[in-house]
Amino acid sequence: ISQHIFSISLCRNPFDSTMSNAVSQLFAPGGGVILIPFIRFVIGCLLLTTLSAFTFGVARIHMAILSILSGGLLWSISFFQREYEKATKSGRLSNGVQDQSKSSNDVKKASPGDVAKTD
């Protein structure tokens, strides 16, 4: 039995590098954008479920309100994605992260003579 366990541990899972790559992309600055298709799918399922429950007469007023809310959320995520793509194409964003080296070089360092005296 111990040889069998040892041979299983030697087998490499091909999804290990893919999963670690996906997790590292997710936690990188601006990485939450890769979740948008998944979020849209989940909210679409929520909209379909609430509309179906409304159609079948289950808690009609609640399902109607939830359908309106989930539809608005789906629209707002689509709006965000559209505006994000416009900003990326126009060059206002560079891969979702602003270039911080420019902003740190643009800051003027204060010298002791620049400090105003208060009496």
C-alpha atoms as a PDB file:
ATOM      1  CA  ILE A   1       0.000   0.000   0.000  1.00  0.00           C
ATOM      2  CA  SER A   2       2.830   2.424   0.805  1.00  0.00           C
ATOM      3  CA  GLN A   3       4.332   1.925  -2.689  1.00  0.00           C
ATOM      4  CA  HIS A   4       0.963   2.731  -4.242  1.00  0.00           C
ATOM      5  CA  ILE A   5       0.653   5.967  -2.254  1.00  0.00           C
ATOM      6  CA  PHE A   6       4.227   6.896  -3.142  1.00  0.00           C
ATOM      7  CA  SER A   7       3.586   6.316  -6.859  1.00  0.00           C
ATOM      8  CA  ILE A   8       0.417   8.460  -6.704  1.00  0.00           C
ATOM      9  CA  SER A   9       2.324  11.305  -5.083  1.00  0.00           C
ATOM     10  CA  LEU A  10       4.887  11.183  -7.902  1.00  0.00           C
ATOM     11  CA  CYS A  11       2.175  11.762 -10.507  1.00  0.00           C
ATOM     12  CA  ARG A  12       1.935  15.422 -11.356  1.00  0.00           C
ATOM     13  CA  ASN A  13      -1.427  17.066 -11.715  1.00  0.00           C
ATOM     14  CA  PRO A  14      -1.494  19.046 -15.001  1.00  0.00           C
ATOM     15  CA  PHE A  15      -3.904  21.586 -13.494  1.00  0.00           C
ATOM     16  CA  ASP A  16      -1.520  22.679 -10.710  1.00  0.00           C
ATOM     17  CA  SER A  17       0.341  25.231 -12.809  1.00  0.00           C
ATOM     18  CA  THR A  18      -2.878  26.431 -14.448  1.00  0.00           C
ATOM     19  CA  MET A  19      -4.576  26.983 -11.102  1.00  0.00           C
ATOM     20  CA  SER A  20      -1.594  28.740  -9.563  1.00  0.00           C
ATOM     21  CA  ASN A  21      -1.352  30.953 -12.651  1.00  0.00           C
ATOM     22  CA  ALA A  22      -5.063  31.836 -12.412  1.00  0.00           C
ATOM     23  CA  VAL A  23      -4.817  32.597  -8.700  1.00  0.00           C
ATOM     24  CA  SER A  24      -1.729  34.753  -9.184  1.00  0.00           C
ATOM     25  CA  GLN A  25      -3.508  36.691 -11.957  1.00  0.00           C
ATOM     26  CA  LEU A  26      -6.517  37.172  -9.714  1.00  0.00           C
ATOM     27  CA  PHE A  27      -4.479  38.635  -6.857  1.00  0.00           C
ATOM     28  CA  ALA A  28      -2.367  40.855  -9.126  1.00  0.00           C
ATOM     29  CA  PRO A  29      -3.337  44.547  -9.201  1.00  0.00           C
ATOM     30  CA  GLY A  30      -6.310  44.938 -11.514  1.00  0.00           C
ATOM     31  CA  GLY A  31      -6.829  41.172 -11.614  1.00  0.00           C
ATOM     32  CA  GLY A  32     -10.465  41.233 -10.538  1.00  0.00           C
ATOM     33  CA  VAL A  33     -11.427  42.116 -14.094  1.00  0.00           C
ATOM     34  CA  ILE A  34     -10.908  38.502 -15.147  1.00  0.00           C
ATOM     35  CA  LEU A  35     -13.868  37.534 -12.935  1.00  0.00           C
ATOM     36  CA  ILE A  36     -16.381  39.632 -14.878  1.00  0.00           C
ATOM     37  CA  PRO A  37     -17.524  36.845 -17.269  1.00  0.00           C
ATOM     38  CA  PHE A  38     -18.080  34.493 -14.316  1.00  0.00           C
ATOM     39  CA  ILE A  39     -19.984  37.163 -12.374  1.00  0.00           C
ATOM     40  CA  ARG A  40     -22.152  37.939 -15.408  1.00  0.00           C
ATOM     41  CA  PHE A  41     -22.963  34.241 -15.786  1.00  0.00           C
ATOM     42  CA  VAL A  42     -23.938  33.875 -12.120  1.00  0.00           C
ATOM     43  CA  ILE A  43     -26.134  36.986 -12.170  1.00  0.00           C
ATOM     44  CA  GLY A  44     -27.718  35.793 -15.425  1.00  0.00           C
ATOM     45  CA  CYS A  45     -28.586  32.508 -13.690  1.00  0.00           C
ATOM     46  CA  LEU A  46     -30.036  34.485 -10.785  1.00  0.00           C
ATOM     47  CA  LEU A  47     -32.152  36.534 -13.199  1.00  0.00           C
ATOM     48  CA  LEU A  48     -33.376  33.394 -14.956  1.00  0.00           C
ATOM     49  CA  THR A  49     -34.225  31.732 -11.635  1.00  0.00           C
ATOM     50  CA  THR A  50     -36.117  34.725 -10.249  1.00  0.00           C
ATOM     51  CA  LEU A  51     -38.042  35.213 -13.501  1.00  0.00           C
ATOM     52  CA  SER A  52     -38.958  31.510 -13.546  1.00  0.00           C
ATOM     53  CA  ALA A  53     -40.133  31.632  -9.935  1.00  0.00           C
ATOM     54  CA  PHE A  54     -42.177  34.747 -10.731  1.00  0.00           C
ATOM     55  CA  THR A  55     -43.740  32.997 -13.734  1.00  0.00           C
ATOM     56  CA  PHE A  56     -44.690  29.945 -11.648  1.00  0.00           C
ATOM     57  CA  GLY A  57     -46.218  32.123  -8.935  1.00  0.00           C
ATOM     58  CA  VAL A  58     -43.715  31.580  -6.122  1.00  0.00           C
ATOM     59  CA  ALA A  59     -43.563  34.714  -3.940  1.00  0.00           C
ATOM     60  CA  ARG A  60     -44.505  36.849  -6.927  1.00  0.00           C
ATOM     61  CA  ILE A  61     -43.781  40.310  -5.531  1.00  0.00           C
ATOM     62  CA  HIS A  62     -40.445  39.237  -4.080  1.00  0.00           C
ATOM     63  CA  MET A  63     -39.358  37.558  -7.292  1.00  0.00           C
ATOM     64  CA  ALA A  64     -40.436  40.571  -9.346  1.00  0.00           C
ATOM     65  CA  ILE A  65     -38.320  42.886  -7.189  1.00  0.00           C
ATOM     66  CA  LEU A  66     -35.365  40.480  -7.220  1.00  0.00           C
ATOM     67  CA  SER A  67     -35.665  40.181 -11.018  1.00  0.00           C
ATOM     68  CA  ILE A  68     -35.510  43.956 -11.384  1.00  0.00           C
ATOM     69  CA  LEU A  69     -32.520  44.178  -9.036  1.00  0.00           C
ATOM     70  CA  SER A  70     -30.586  41.370 -10.725  1.00  0.00           C
ATOM     71  CA  GLY A  71     -31.357  42.822 -14.162  1.00  0.00           C
ATOM     72  CA  GLY A  72     -30.025  46.195 -13.009  1.00  0.00           C
ATOM     73  CA  LEU A  73     -26.919  44.552 -11.608  1.00  0.00           C
ATOM     74  CA  LEU A  74     -26.358  42.701 -14.866  1.00  0.00           C
ATOM     75  CA  TRP A  75     -26.761  45.966 -16.802  1.00  0.00           C
ATOM     76  CA  SER A  76     -24.356  47.819 -14.484  1.00  0.00           C
ATOM     77  CA  ILE A  77     -21.660  45.150 -14.864  1.00  0.00           C
ATOM     78  CA  SER A  78     -22.052  45.318 -18.637  1.00  0.00           C
ATOM     79  CA  PHE A  79     -21.742  49.113 -18.448  1.00  0.00           C
ATOM     80  CA  PHE A  80     -18.607  48.835 -16.307  1.00  0.00           C
ATOM     81  CA  GLN A  81     -17.028  46.327 -18.681  1.00  0.00           C
ATOM     82  CA  ARG A  82     -17.801  48.521 -21.700  1.00  0.00           C
ATOM     83  CA  GLU A  83     -16.295  51.616 -20.043  1.00  0.00           C
ATOM     84  CA  TYR A  84     -13.256  49.656 -18.851  1.00  0.00           C
ATOM     85  CA  GLU A  85     -12.592  48.425 -22.389  1.00  0.00           C
ATOM     86  CA  LYS A  86     -12.924  51.994 -23.716  1.00  0.00           C
ATOM     87  CA  ALA A  87     -10.439  53.250 -21.114  1.00  0.00           C
ATOM     88  CA  THR A  88      -8.009  50.448 -21.894  1.00  0.00           C
ATOM     89  CA  LYS A  89      -8.196  51.075 -25.650  1.00  0.00           C
ATOM     90  CA  SER A  90      -7.764  54.834 -25.295  1.00  0.00           C
ATOM     91  CA  GLY A  91      -4.617  54.351 -23.229  1.00  0.00           C
ATOM     92  CA  ARG A  92      -5.933  55.828 -19.990  1.00  0.00           C
ATOM     93  CA  LEU A  93      -5.239  52.479 -18.349  1.00  0.00           C
ATOM     94  CA  SER A  94      -2.261  50.270 -19.065  1.00  0.00           C
ATOM     95  CA  ASN A  95      -3.408  46.699 -18.467  1.00  0.00           C
ATOM     96  CA  GLY A  96      -5.648  47.776 -15.620  1.00  0.00           C
ATOM     97  CA  VAL A  97      -2.898  49.408 -13.559  1.00  0.00           C
ATOM     98  CA  GLN A  98      -1.763  53.002 -13.754  1.00  0.00           C
ATOM     99  CA  ASP A  99       1.934  53.572 -14.233  1.00  0.00           C
ATOM    100  CA  GLN A 100       3.115  54.534 -10.759  1.00  0.00           C
ATOM    101  CA  SER A 101       6.728  55.216 -11.750  1.00  0.00           C
ATOM    102  CA  LYS A 102       5.654  58.406 -13.551  1.00  0.00           C
ATOM    103  CA  SER A 103       3.676  59.719 -10.620  1.00  0.00           C
ATOM    104  CA  SER A 104       6.478  59.072  -8.138  1.00  0.00           C
ATOM    105  CA  ASN A 105       8.995  60.886 -10.345  1.00  0.00           C
ATOM    106  CA  ASP A 106       6.671  63.872 -10.839  1.00  0.00           C
ATOM    107  CA  VAL A 107       6.444  64.596  -7.117  1.00  0.00           C
ATOM    108  CA  LYS A 108       8.757  67.427  -6.107  1.00  0.00           C
ATOM    109  CA  LYS A 109      10.765  66.634  -3.028  1.00  0.00           C
ATOM    110  CA  ALA A 110      10.509  69.305  -0.366  1.00  0.00           C
ATOM    111  CA  SER A 111      13.692  70.904   0.805  1.00  0.00           C
ATOM    112  CA  PRO A 112      14.124  72.508   4.263  1.00  0.00           C
ATOM    113  CA  GLY A 113      13.912  75.970   2.685  1.00  0.00           C
ATOM    114  CA  ASP A 114      10.434  75.240   1.240  1.00  0.00           C
ATOM    115  CA  VAL A 115       8.808  74.892   4.655  1.00  0.00           C
ATOM    116  CA  ALA A 116       6.967  78.015   5.703  1.00  0.00           C
ATOM    117  CA  LYS A 117       7.778  79.384   9.120  1.00  0.00           C
ATOM    118  CA  THR A 118       4.945  79.931  11.553  1.00  0.00           C
ATOM    119  CA  ASP A 119       5.456  82.227  14.501  1.00  0.00           C
END
